[in-house]
Amino acid sequence: MAEAVARRTILALALAGLTAGGLPSSGLAATPESTPAESATAPVIVKVGGYEFPPYVTESGGGVAQALLDLLNAEQSGFRFELVRTSPQRRYEDMERGRFDMIAFESLAWGWKGRPVEASRVFLRDAEVFVAKAGPGMDQSYFDRLDDKTILGRLGYHYAFAGMTADPEVLEKRFNTRLTVTHEGNVRSVAAGRAALAIVTRSFLAQFLKANPDMAPQLLVSDRTDQIYEHTILVRRDGPVDIDWVNGTLDRLERSGALPALWARQGIAP
């Protein structure tokens, strides 16, 4: 009998110790779901689409877009922006399916009109230029006509000289434009005489020639632009971040000097 009393006493003391240590009165162990204070402070994840578009998104996934997301993450704690890779052709479907919520360095004119997205204010300008092989007698008049020249472009991009179409068949048959998946390869092909022209992003070309100064004498770059980029950020309607937040944040980063400093670090001329 004394032994049974001793066992009951030990059990009672053990239960009292567990209760003092924080066991809920219901007897259920605490779970992550029972700590709302911690989950309330966790940032909302915002997926940001990015396709190869140097220097904004490079083949490795870095570039100016990643630097912009790093800045956004450093400047506030309510959202956590993460890059999601897509392709120029697949980006529309991926956005509409919710695979990502936002995409930067975009324009409504690049196939987004009529889709469930909203555009921020223009926050950066860039341009597309033509590149030809340099040689005797070559000058800016070479770029006056395009219809008698082969052009190398990038698959999935929209070109003003072709009425903003990205259709590969139309570009090849009507505009003598062959589409590839690399700006650098197109520039090198022109320098080697395999095509008359390449059309590339001006900021990409500036970075390429800085890294490959031996190529500069081999190339003639057009003063003529095909289009002026007016970069915006597109957000998916009903996504986790709205366009007012984006515009307000861009305004704040512009006023503070953070955006101009970012462009300078990345070698981008605004």
C-alpha atoms as a PDB file:
ATOM      1  CA  MET A   1       0.000   0.000   0.000  1.00  0.00           C
ATOM      2  CA  ALA A   2       2.820   2.415   0.898  1.00  0.00           C
ATOM      3  CA  GLU A   3       4.464   1.581  -2.422  1.00  0.00           C
ATOM      4  CA  ALA A   4       1.267   2.491  -4.341  1.00  0.00           C
ATOM      5  CA  VAL A   5       0.993   5.796  -2.462  1.00  0.00           C
ATOM      6  CA  ALA A   6       4.600   6.574  -3.299  1.00  0.00           C
ATOM      7  CA  ARG A   7       3.951   5.935  -7.009  1.00  0.00           C
ATOM      8  CA  ARG A   8       0.890   8.226  -6.931  1.00  0.00           C
ATOM      9  CA  THR A   9       2.925  10.922  -5.183  1.00  0.00           C
ATOM     10  CA  ILE A  10       5.723  10.727  -7.794  1.00  0.00           C
ATOM     11  CA  LEU A  11       3.175  10.917 -10.627  1.00  0.00           C
ATOM     12  CA  ALA A  12       1.486  13.969  -9.106  1.00  0.00           C
ATOM     13  CA  LEU A  13       4.805  15.744  -8.679  1.00  0.00           C
ATOM     14  CA  ALA A  14       5.773  14.963 -12.281  1.00  0.00           C
ATOM     15  CA  LEU A  15       2.517  16.364 -13.634  1.00  0.00           C
ATOM     16  CA  ALA A  16       2.894  19.491 -11.511  1.00  0.00           C
ATOM     17  CA  GLY A  17       6.399  20.004 -12.916  1.00  0.00           C
ATOM     18  CA  LEU A  18       5.185  19.678 -16.523  1.00  0.00           C
ATOM     19  CA  THR A  19       2.390  22.170 -15.893  1.00  0.00           C
ATOM     20  CA  ALA A  20       4.833  24.634 -14.384  1.00  0.00           C
ATOM     21  CA  GLY A  21       7.054  24.171 -17.446  1.00  0.00           C
ATOM     22  CA  GLY A  22       4.370  25.381 -19.798  1.00  0.00           C
ATOM     23  CA  LEU A  23       2.210  22.380 -20.724  1.00  0.00           C
ATOM     24  CA  PRO A  24      -1.206  23.738 -21.813  1.00  0.00           C
ATOM     25  CA  SER A  25      -4.044  22.933 -19.488  1.00  0.00           C
ATOM     26  CA  SER A  26      -5.619  20.902 -22.287  1.00  0.00           C
ATOM     27  CA  GLY A  27      -2.672  18.531 -22.104  1.00  0.00           C
ATOM     28  CA  LEU A  28      -1.694  19.133 -25.776  1.00  0.00           C
ATOM     29  CA  ALA A  29       1.872  20.030 -26.696  1.00  0.00           C
ATOM     30  CA  ALA A  30       2.516  23.506 -28.137  1.00  0.00           C
ATOM     31  CA  THR A  31       2.812  23.638 -31.936  1.00  0.00           C
ATOM     32  CA  PRO A  32       4.098  26.290 -34.400  1.00  0.00           C
ATOM     33  CA  GLU A  33       0.478  27.138 -35.148  1.00  0.00           C
ATOM     34  CA  SER A  34      -0.017  28.148 -31.518  1.00  0.00           C
ATOM     35  CA  THR A  35       2.575  30.977 -31.733  1.00  0.00           C
ATOM     36  CA  PRO A  36       0.760  33.649 -33.774  1.00  0.00           C
ATOM     37  CA  ALA A  37       3.055  36.421 -32.551  1.00  0.00           C
ATOM     38  CA  GLU A  38       5.995  34.838 -34.399  1.00  0.00           C
ATOM     39  CA  SER A  39       4.073  34.196 -37.653  1.00  0.00           C
ATOM     40  CA  ALA A  40       2.641  37.721 -37.626  1.00  0.00           C
ATOM     41  CA  THR A  41       6.140  39.189 -37.959  1.00  0.00           C
ATOM     42  CA  ALA A  42       7.228  36.933 -40.830  1.00  0.00           C
ATOM     43  CA  PRO A  43       7.500  38.834 -44.135  1.00  0.00           C
ATOM     44  CA  VAL A  44       5.096  38.081 -46.965  1.00  0.00           C
ATOM     45  CA  ILE A  45       6.923  36.284 -49.781  1.00  0.00           C
ATOM     46  CA  VAL A  46       6.563  38.016 -53.148  1.00  0.00           C
ATOM     47  CA  LYS A  47       7.719  36.012 -56.175  1.00  0.00           C
ATOM     48  CA  VAL A  48       9.281  38.147 -58.906  1.00  0.00           C
ATOM     49  CA  GLY A  49       9.568  36.800 -62.438  1.00  0.00           C
ATOM     50  CA  GLY A  50      12.801  37.151 -64.364  1.00  0.00           C
ATOM     51  CA  TYR A  51      13.837  35.917 -67.806  1.00  0.00           C
ATOM     52  CA  GLU A  52      17.240  36.290 -69.429  1.00  0.00           C
ATOM     53  CA  PHE A  53      17.415  39.960 -70.380  1.00  0.00           C
ATOM     54  CA  PRO A  54      20.969  41.212 -69.869  1.00  0.00           C
ATOM     55  CA  PRO A  55      22.004  43.255 -68.020  1.00  0.00           C
ATOM     56  CA  TYR A  56      18.722  43.133 -66.067  1.00  0.00           C
ATOM     57  CA  VAL A  57      18.613  39.355 -65.683  1.00  0.00           C
ATOM     58  CA  THR A  58      21.708  37.434 -66.708  1.00  0.00           C
ATOM     59  CA  GLU A  59      22.062  33.791 -67.682  1.00  0.00           C
ATOM     60  CA  SER A  60      23.148  32.951 -64.129  1.00  0.00           C
ATOM     61  CA  GLY A  61      20.069  34.668 -62.655  1.00  0.00           C
ATOM     62  CA  GLY A  62      21.901  37.718 -61.334  1.00  0.00           C
ATOM     63  CA  GLY A  63      21.984  41.195 -62.808  1.00  0.00           C
ATOM     64  CA  VAL A  64      20.266  44.493 -62.152  1.00  0.00           C
ATOM     65  CA  ALA A  65      16.919  42.879 -61.262  1.00  0.00           C
ATOM     66  CA  GLN A  66      18.458  40.849 -58.436  1.00  0.00           C
ATOM     67  CA  ALA A  67      20.261  43.959 -57.182  1.00  0.00           C
ATOM     68  CA  LEU A  68      16.914  45.806 -57.137  1.00  0.00           C
ATOM     69  CA  LEU A  69      15.290  42.992 -55.143  1.00  0.00           C
ATOM     70  CA  ASP A  70      18.197  43.050 -52.678  1.00  0.00           C
ATOM     71  CA  LEU A  71      17.605  46.770 -52.229  1.00  0.00           C
ATOM     72  CA  LEU A  72      13.861  46.274 -51.673  1.00  0.00           C
ATOM     73  CA  ASN A  73      14.540  43.550 -49.115  1.00  0.00           C
ATOM     74  CA  ALA A  74      17.048  45.731 -47.267  1.00  0.00           C
ATOM     75  CA  GLU A  75      14.765  48.789 -47.185  1.00  0.00           C
ATOM     76  CA  GLN A  76      11.696  47.210 -45.584  1.00  0.00           C
ATOM     77  CA  SER A  77      10.639  44.110 -43.666  1.00  0.00           C
ATOM     78  CA  GLY A  78       6.988  43.578 -44.620  1.00  0.00           C
ATOM     79  CA  PHE A  79       7.767  41.712 -47.851  1.00  0.00           C
ATOM     80  CA  ARG A  80      10.483  39.337 -48.951  1.00  0.00           C
ATOM     81  CA  PHE A  81      11.127  39.519 -52.719  1.00  0.00           C
ATOM     82  CA  GLU A  82      12.459  36.372 -54.391  1.00  0.00           C
ATOM     83  CA  LEU A  83      13.437  35.924 -58.038  1.00  0.00           C
ATOM     84  CA  VAL A  84      11.687  33.169 -60.012  1.00  0.00           C
ATOM     85  CA  ARG A  85      13.116  32.200 -63.385  1.00  0.00           C
ATOM     86  CA  THR A  86      10.853  32.157 -66.428  1.00  0.00           C
ATOM     87  CA  SER A  87      11.331  32.616 -70.177  1.00  0.00           C
ATOM     88  CA  PRO A  88      10.378  35.485 -72.507  1.00  0.00           C
ATOM     89  CA  GLN A  89       7.690  33.340 -74.132  1.00  0.00           C
ATOM     90  CA  ARG A  90       6.321  31.738 -70.950  1.00  0.00           C
ATOM     91  CA  ARG A  91       6.239  34.815 -68.696  1.00  0.00           C
ATOM     92  CA  TYR A  92       2.617  35.764 -69.467  1.00  0.00           C
ATOM     93  CA  GLU A  93       1.185  32.362 -68.584  1.00  0.00           C
ATOM     94  CA  ASP A  94       3.397  32.071 -65.494  1.00  0.00           C
ATOM     95  CA  MET A  95       2.161  35.435 -64.197  1.00  0.00           C
ATOM     96  CA  GLU A  96      -1.504  34.625 -64.825  1.00  0.00           C
ATOM     97  CA  ARG A  97      -1.151  31.209 -63.148  1.00  0.00           C
ATOM     98  CA  GLY A  98       0.323  32.882 -60.071  1.00  0.00           C
ATOM     99  CA  ARG A  99       3.762  31.338 -60.425  1.00  0.00           C
ATOM    100  CA  PHE A 100       5.031  34.808 -59.676  1.00  0.00           C
ATOM    101  CA  ASP A 101       3.376  38.032 -58.506  1.00  0.00           C
ATOM    102  CA  MET A 102       5.459  40.775 -60.057  1.00  0.00           C
ATOM    103  CA  ILE A 103       7.964  41.384 -62.835  1.00  0.00           C
ATOM    104  CA  ALA A 104      10.394  44.296 -63.160  1.00  0.00           C
ATOM    105  CA  PHE A 105      11.975  46.023 -66.166  1.00  0.00           C
ATOM    106  CA  GLU A 106       8.864  45.399 -68.264  1.00  0.00           C
ATOM    107  CA  SER A 107       6.443  47.345 -70.440  1.00  0.00           C
ATOM    108  CA  LEU A 108       2.745  46.880 -71.105  1.00  0.00           C
ATOM    109  CA  ALA A 109       3.621  47.259 -74.804  1.00  0.00           C
ATOM    110  CA  TRP A 110       5.548  43.961 -74.701  1.00  0.00           C
ATOM    111  CA  GLY A 111       2.483  41.742 -74.965  1.00  0.00           C
ATOM    112  CA  TRP A 112       0.848  42.569 -71.615  1.00  0.00           C
ATOM    113  CA  LYS A 113      -2.084  44.713 -72.766  1.00  0.00           C
ATOM    114  CA  GLY A 114      -5.427  43.179 -71.837  1.00  0.00           C
ATOM    115  CA  ARG A 115      -3.873  40.882 -69.238  1.00  0.00           C
ATOM    116  CA  PRO A 116      -4.686  41.042 -65.482  1.00  0.00           C
ATOM    117  CA  VAL A 117      -1.704  43.193 -64.528  1.00  0.00           C
ATOM    118  CA  GLU A 118      -1.084  46.785 -63.501  1.00  0.00           C
ATOM    119  CA  ALA A 119       1.983  48.863 -64.328  1.00  0.00           C
ATOM    120  CA  SER A 120       3.961  51.135 -62.062  1.00  0.00           C
ATOM    121  CA  ARG A 121       5.235  54.510 -63.118  1.00  0.00           C
ATOM    122  CA  VAL A 122       8.275  54.525 -65.412  1.00  0.00           C
ATOM    123  CA  PHE A 123      11.360  54.311 -63.203  1.00  0.00           C
ATOM    124  CA  LEU A 124      14.197  53.760 -65.714  1.00  0.00           C
ATOM    125  CA  ARG A 125      14.828  54.299 -69.425  1.00  0.00           C
ATOM    126  CA  ASP A 126      17.069  52.337 -71.773  1.00  0.00           C
ATOM    127  CA  ALA A 127      17.077  51.621 -75.511  1.00  0.00           C
ATOM    128  CA  GLU A 128      17.752  49.079 -78.231  1.00  0.00           C
ATOM    129  CA  VAL A 129      20.423  49.785 -80.839  1.00  0.00           C
ATOM    130  CA  PHE A 130      21.709  48.057 -83.958  1.00  0.00           C
ATOM    131  CA  VAL A 131      25.236  46.730 -84.303  1.00  0.00           C
ATOM    132  CA  ALA A 132      27.092  46.122 -87.588  1.00  0.00           C
ATOM    133  CA  LYS A 133      30.586  44.994 -88.470  1.00  0.00           C
ATOM    134  CA  ALA A 134      32.937  47.958 -88.780  1.00  0.00           C
ATOM    135  CA  GLY A 135      34.898  48.381 -91.980  1.00  0.00           C
ATOM    136  CA  PRO A 136      35.977  50.765 -94.761  1.00  0.00           C
ATOM    137  CA  GLY A 137      33.183  53.056 -95.887  1.00  0.00           C
ATOM    138  CA  MET A 138      30.886  52.018 -93.041  1.00  0.00           C
ATOM    139  CA  ASP A 139      29.040  54.892 -91.364  1.00  0.00           C
ATOM    140  CA  GLN A 140      25.665  55.695 -89.815  1.00  0.00           C
ATOM    141  CA  SER A 141      23.947  55.694 -93.209  1.00  0.00           C
ATOM    142  CA  TYR A 142      24.277  51.899 -93.145  1.00  0.00           C
ATOM    143  CA  PHE A 143      21.428  51.804 -90.622  1.00  0.00           C
ATOM    144  CA  ASP A 144      19.028  53.874 -92.737  1.00  0.00           C
ATOM    145  CA  ARG A 145      17.530  50.786 -94.370  1.00  0.00           C
ATOM    146  CA  LEU A 146      16.796  47.498 -92.645  1.00  0.00           C
ATOM    147  CA  ASP A 147      14.783  45.645 -95.278  1.00  0.00           C
ATOM    148  CA  ASP A 148      17.863  44.584 -97.248  1.00  0.00           C
ATOM    149  CA  LYS A 149      19.783  43.217 -94.273  1.00  0.00           C
ATOM    150  CA  THR A 150      19.731  40.108 -92.099  1.00  0.00           C
ATOM    151  CA  ILE A 151      19.077  40.920 -88.443  1.00  0.00           C
ATOM    152  CA  LEU A 152      19.821  38.808 -85.381  1.00  0.00           C
ATOM    153  CA  GLY A 153      17.365  39.245 -82.496  1.00  0.00           C
ATOM    154  CA  ARG A 154      16.398  37.532 -79.265  1.00  0.00           C
ATOM    155  CA  LEU A 155      13.601  34.954 -79.077  1.00  0.00           C
ATOM    156  CA  GLY A 156      10.572  36.322 -77.219  1.00  0.00           C
ATOM    157  CA  TYR A 157      11.494  40.005 -77.549  1.00  0.00           C
ATOM    158  CA  HIS A 158       9.266  42.663 -79.130  1.00  0.00           C
ATOM    159  CA  TYR A 159      10.820  44.901 -81.801  1.00  0.00           C
ATOM    160  CA  ALA A 160       9.541  48.283 -82.920  1.00  0.00           C
ATOM    161  CA  PHE A 161      10.868  47.910 -86.471  1.00  0.00           C
ATOM    162  CA  ALA A 162       8.529  44.917 -86.790  1.00  0.00           C
ATOM    163  CA  GLY A 163       5.466  46.592 -85.264  1.00  0.00           C
ATOM    164  CA  MET A 164       6.224  45.203 -81.773  1.00  0.00           C
ATOM    165  CA  THR A 165       5.616  41.628 -82.822  1.00  0.00           C
ATOM    166  CA  ALA A 166       7.527  38.792 -81.162  1.00  0.00           C
ATOM    167  CA  ASP A 167       6.196  36.116 -83.528  1.00  0.00           C
ATOM    168  CA  PRO A 168       9.255  34.192 -84.814  1.00  0.00           C
ATOM    169  CA  GLU A 169       7.598  33.257 -88.106  1.00  0.00           C
ATOM    170  CA  VAL A 170       6.572  36.841 -88.868  1.00  0.00           C
ATOM    171  CA  LEU A 171       9.978  38.187 -87.913  1.00  0.00           C
ATOM    172  CA  GLU A 172      11.807  35.702 -90.108  1.00  0.00           C
ATOM    173  CA  LYS A 173       9.557  35.810 -93.173  1.00  0.00           C
ATOM    174  CA  ARG A 174       8.660  39.503 -93.271  1.00  0.00           C
ATOM    175  CA  PHE A 175      11.651  41.153 -91.602  1.00  0.00           C
ATOM    176  CA  ASN A 176      14.551  38.804 -92.354  1.00  0.00           C
ATOM    177  CA  THR A 177      15.200  38.465 -88.627  1.00  0.00           C
ATOM    178  CA  ARG A 178      16.663  35.307 -87.124  1.00  0.00           C
ATOM    179  CA  LEU A 179      16.033  34.762 -83.429  1.00  0.00           C
ATOM    180  CA  THR A 180      18.509  33.253 -80.989  1.00  0.00           C
ATOM    181  CA  VAL A 181      18.820  32.999 -77.214  1.00  0.00           C
ATOM    182  CA  THR A 182      21.930  35.110 -76.630  1.00  0.00           C
ATOM    183  CA  HIS A 183      22.794  38.771 -77.109  1.00  0.00           C
ATOM    184  CA  GLU A 184      26.514  38.107 -76.851  1.00  0.00           C
ATOM    185  CA  GLY A 185      26.380  35.404 -79.502  1.00  0.00           C
ATOM    186  CA  ASN A 186      24.527  37.754 -81.835  1.00  0.00           C
ATOM    187  CA  VAL A 187      27.122  40.500 -81.433  1.00  0.00           C
ATOM    188  CA  ARG A 188      29.967  38.082 -82.028  1.00  0.00           C
ATOM    189  CA  SER A 189      28.211  36.640 -85.081  1.00  0.00           C
ATOM    190  CA  VAL A 190      27.958  40.120 -86.615  1.00  0.00           C
ATOM    191  CA  ALA A 191      31.635  40.792 -85.902  1.00  0.00           C
ATOM    192  CA  ALA A 192      32.460  37.512 -87.652  1.00  0.00           C
ATOM    193  CA  GLY A 193      30.396  38.514 -90.707  1.00  0.00           C
ATOM    194  CA  ARG A 194      27.680  35.878 -90.265  1.00  0.00           C
ATOM    195  CA  ALA A 195      24.862  38.479 -90.253  1.00  0.00           C
ATOM    196  CA  ALA A 196      24.532  42.124 -91.228  1.00  0.00           C
ATOM    197  CA  LEU A 197      23.001  43.420 -87.996  1.00  0.00           C
ATOM    198  CA  ALA A 198      22.257  42.520 -84.413  1.00  0.00           C
ATOM    199  CA  ILE A 199      19.766  44.376 -82.270  1.00  0.00           C
ATOM    200  CA  VAL A 200      20.696  44.574 -78.590  1.00  0.00           C
ATOM    201  CA  THR A 201      19.967  46.474 -75.403  1.00  0.00           C
ATOM    202  CA  ARG A 202      22.194  49.547 -75.171  1.00  0.00           C
ATOM    203  CA  SER A 203      23.106  48.969 -71.520  1.00  0.00           C
ATOM    204  CA  PHE A 204      24.042  45.355 -72.306  1.00  0.00           C
ATOM    205  CA  LEU A 205      26.286  46.523 -75.134  1.00  0.00           C
ATOM    206  CA  ALA A 206      28.027  49.056 -72.868  1.00  0.00           C
ATOM    207  CA  GLN A 207      28.790  46.328 -70.306  1.00  0.00           C
ATOM    208  CA  PHE A 208      29.854  43.868 -73.032  1.00  0.00           C
ATOM    209  CA  LEU A 209      32.319  46.320 -74.594  1.00  0.00           C
ATOM    210  CA  LYS A 210      33.702  47.262 -71.184  1.00  0.00           C
ATOM    211  CA  ALA A 211      34.409  43.573 -70.527  1.00  0.00           C
ATOM    212  CA  ASN A 212      35.644  42.970 -74.105  1.00  0.00           C
ATOM    213  CA  PRO A 213      37.421  46.159 -75.205  1.00  0.00           C
ATOM    214  CA  ASP A 214      39.051  44.319 -78.123  1.00  0.00           C
ATOM    215  CA  MET A 215      35.601  44.023 -79.724  1.00  0.00           C
ATOM    216  CA  ALA A 216      34.905  47.772 -79.869  1.00  0.00           C
ATOM    217  CA  PRO A 217      36.997  48.487 -83.008  1.00  0.00           C
ATOM    218  CA  GLN A 218      35.248  45.621 -84.795  1.00  0.00           C
ATOM    219  CA  LEU A 219      31.752  47.047 -84.364  1.00  0.00           C
ATOM    220  CA  LEU A 220      29.740  50.004 -85.634  1.00  0.00           C
ATOM    221  CA  VAL A 221      26.936  50.938 -83.230  1.00  0.00           C
ATOM    222  CA  SER A 222      23.901  52.816 -84.512  1.00  0.00           C
ATOM    223  CA  ASP A 223      22.898  56.219 -83.281  1.00  0.00           C
ATOM    224  CA  ARG A 224      19.447  55.114 -84.385  1.00  0.00           C
ATOM    225  CA  THR A 225      17.393  53.369 -81.683  1.00  0.00           C
ATOM    226  CA  ASP A 226      14.749  50.792 -82.424  1.00  0.00           C
ATOM    227  CA  GLN A 227      12.789  51.659 -79.295  1.00  0.00           C
ATOM    228  CA  ILE A 228      13.264  53.532 -76.058  1.00  0.00           C
ATOM    229  CA  TYR A 229      12.587  51.289 -73.085  1.00  0.00           C
ATOM    230  CA  GLU A 230      10.341  52.830 -70.473  1.00  0.00           C
ATOM    231  CA  HIS A 231      10.813  50.327 -67.709  1.00  0.00           C
ATOM    232  CA  THR A 232       7.982  49.706 -65.277  1.00  0.00           C
ATOM    233  CA  ILE A 233       7.158  47.073 -62.682  1.00  0.00           C
ATOM    234  CA  LEU A 234       4.095  44.969 -63.444  1.00  0.00           C
ATOM    235  CA  VAL A 235       2.098  43.439 -60.605  1.00  0.00           C
ATOM    236  CA  ARG A 236      -0.522  40.722 -60.803  1.00  0.00           C
ATOM    237  CA  ARG A 237      -3.977  41.912 -59.824  1.00  0.00           C
ATOM    238  CA  ASP A 238      -5.063  40.534 -56.450  1.00  0.00           C
ATOM    239  CA  GLY A 239      -1.467  39.588 -55.698  1.00  0.00           C
ATOM    240  CA  PRO A 240       0.248  40.166 -52.328  1.00  0.00           C
ATOM    241  CA  VAL A 241       1.598  43.605 -53.276  1.00  0.00           C
ATOM    242  CA  ASP A 242      -0.372  46.391 -54.971  1.00  0.00           C
ATOM    243  CA  ILE A 243       0.671  49.069 -57.435  1.00  0.00           C
ATOM    244  CA  ASP A 244       0.300  51.916 -54.930  1.00  0.00           C
ATOM    245  CA  TRP A 245       2.848  50.267 -52.645  1.00  0.00           C
ATOM    246  CA  VAL A 246       5.239  49.799 -55.584  1.00  0.00           C
ATOM    247  CA  ASN A 247       4.934  53.413 -56.753  1.00  0.00           C
ATOM    248  CA  GLY A 248       5.312  54.759 -53.231  1.00  0.00           C
ATOM    249  CA  THR A 249       8.416  52.656 -52.652  1.00  0.00           C
ATOM    250  CA  LEU A 250       9.980  53.716 -55.963  1.00  0.00           C
ATOM    251  CA  ASP A 251       9.329  57.365 -55.072  1.00  0.00           C
ATOM    252  CA  ARG A 252      10.929  56.942 -51.640  1.00  0.00           C
ATOM    253  CA  LEU A 253      14.017  55.163 -53.031  1.00  0.00           C
ATOM    254  CA  GLU A 254      14.366  57.818 -55.726  1.00  0.00           C
ATOM    255  CA  ARG A 255      14.212  60.668 -53.192  1.00  0.00           C
ATOM    256  CA  SER A 256      16.689  58.983 -50.848  1.00  0.00           C
ATOM    257  CA  GLY A 257      19.211  58.486 -53.643  1.00  0.00           C
ATOM    258  CA  ALA A 258      19.156  54.697 -53.261  1.00  0.00           C
ATOM    259  CA  LEU A 259      17.912  54.050 -56.807  1.00  0.00           C
ATOM    260  CA  PRO A 260      20.383  56.405 -58.533  1.00  0.00           C
ATOM    261  CA  ALA A 261      23.176  54.797 -56.496  1.00  0.00           C
ATOM    262  CA  LEU A 262      22.009  51.344 -57.621  1.00  0.00           C
ATOM    263  CA  TRP A 263      22.080  52.328 -61.300  1.00  0.00           C
ATOM    264  CA  ALA A 264      25.568  53.778 -60.844  1.00  0.00           C
ATOM    265  CA  ARG A 265      26.872  50.583 -59.177  1.00  0.00           C
ATOM    266  CA  GLN A 266      25.397  48.481 -61.990  1.00  0.00           C
ATOM    267  CA  GLY A 267      26.771  50.695 -64.749  1.00  0.00           C
ATOM    268  CA  ILE A 268      23.291  51.690 -65.956  1.00  0.00           C
ATOM    269  CA  ALA A 269      22.744  55.189 -67.312  1.00  0.00           C
ATOM    270  CA  PRO A 270      19.227  56.371 -66.331  1.00  0.00           C
END
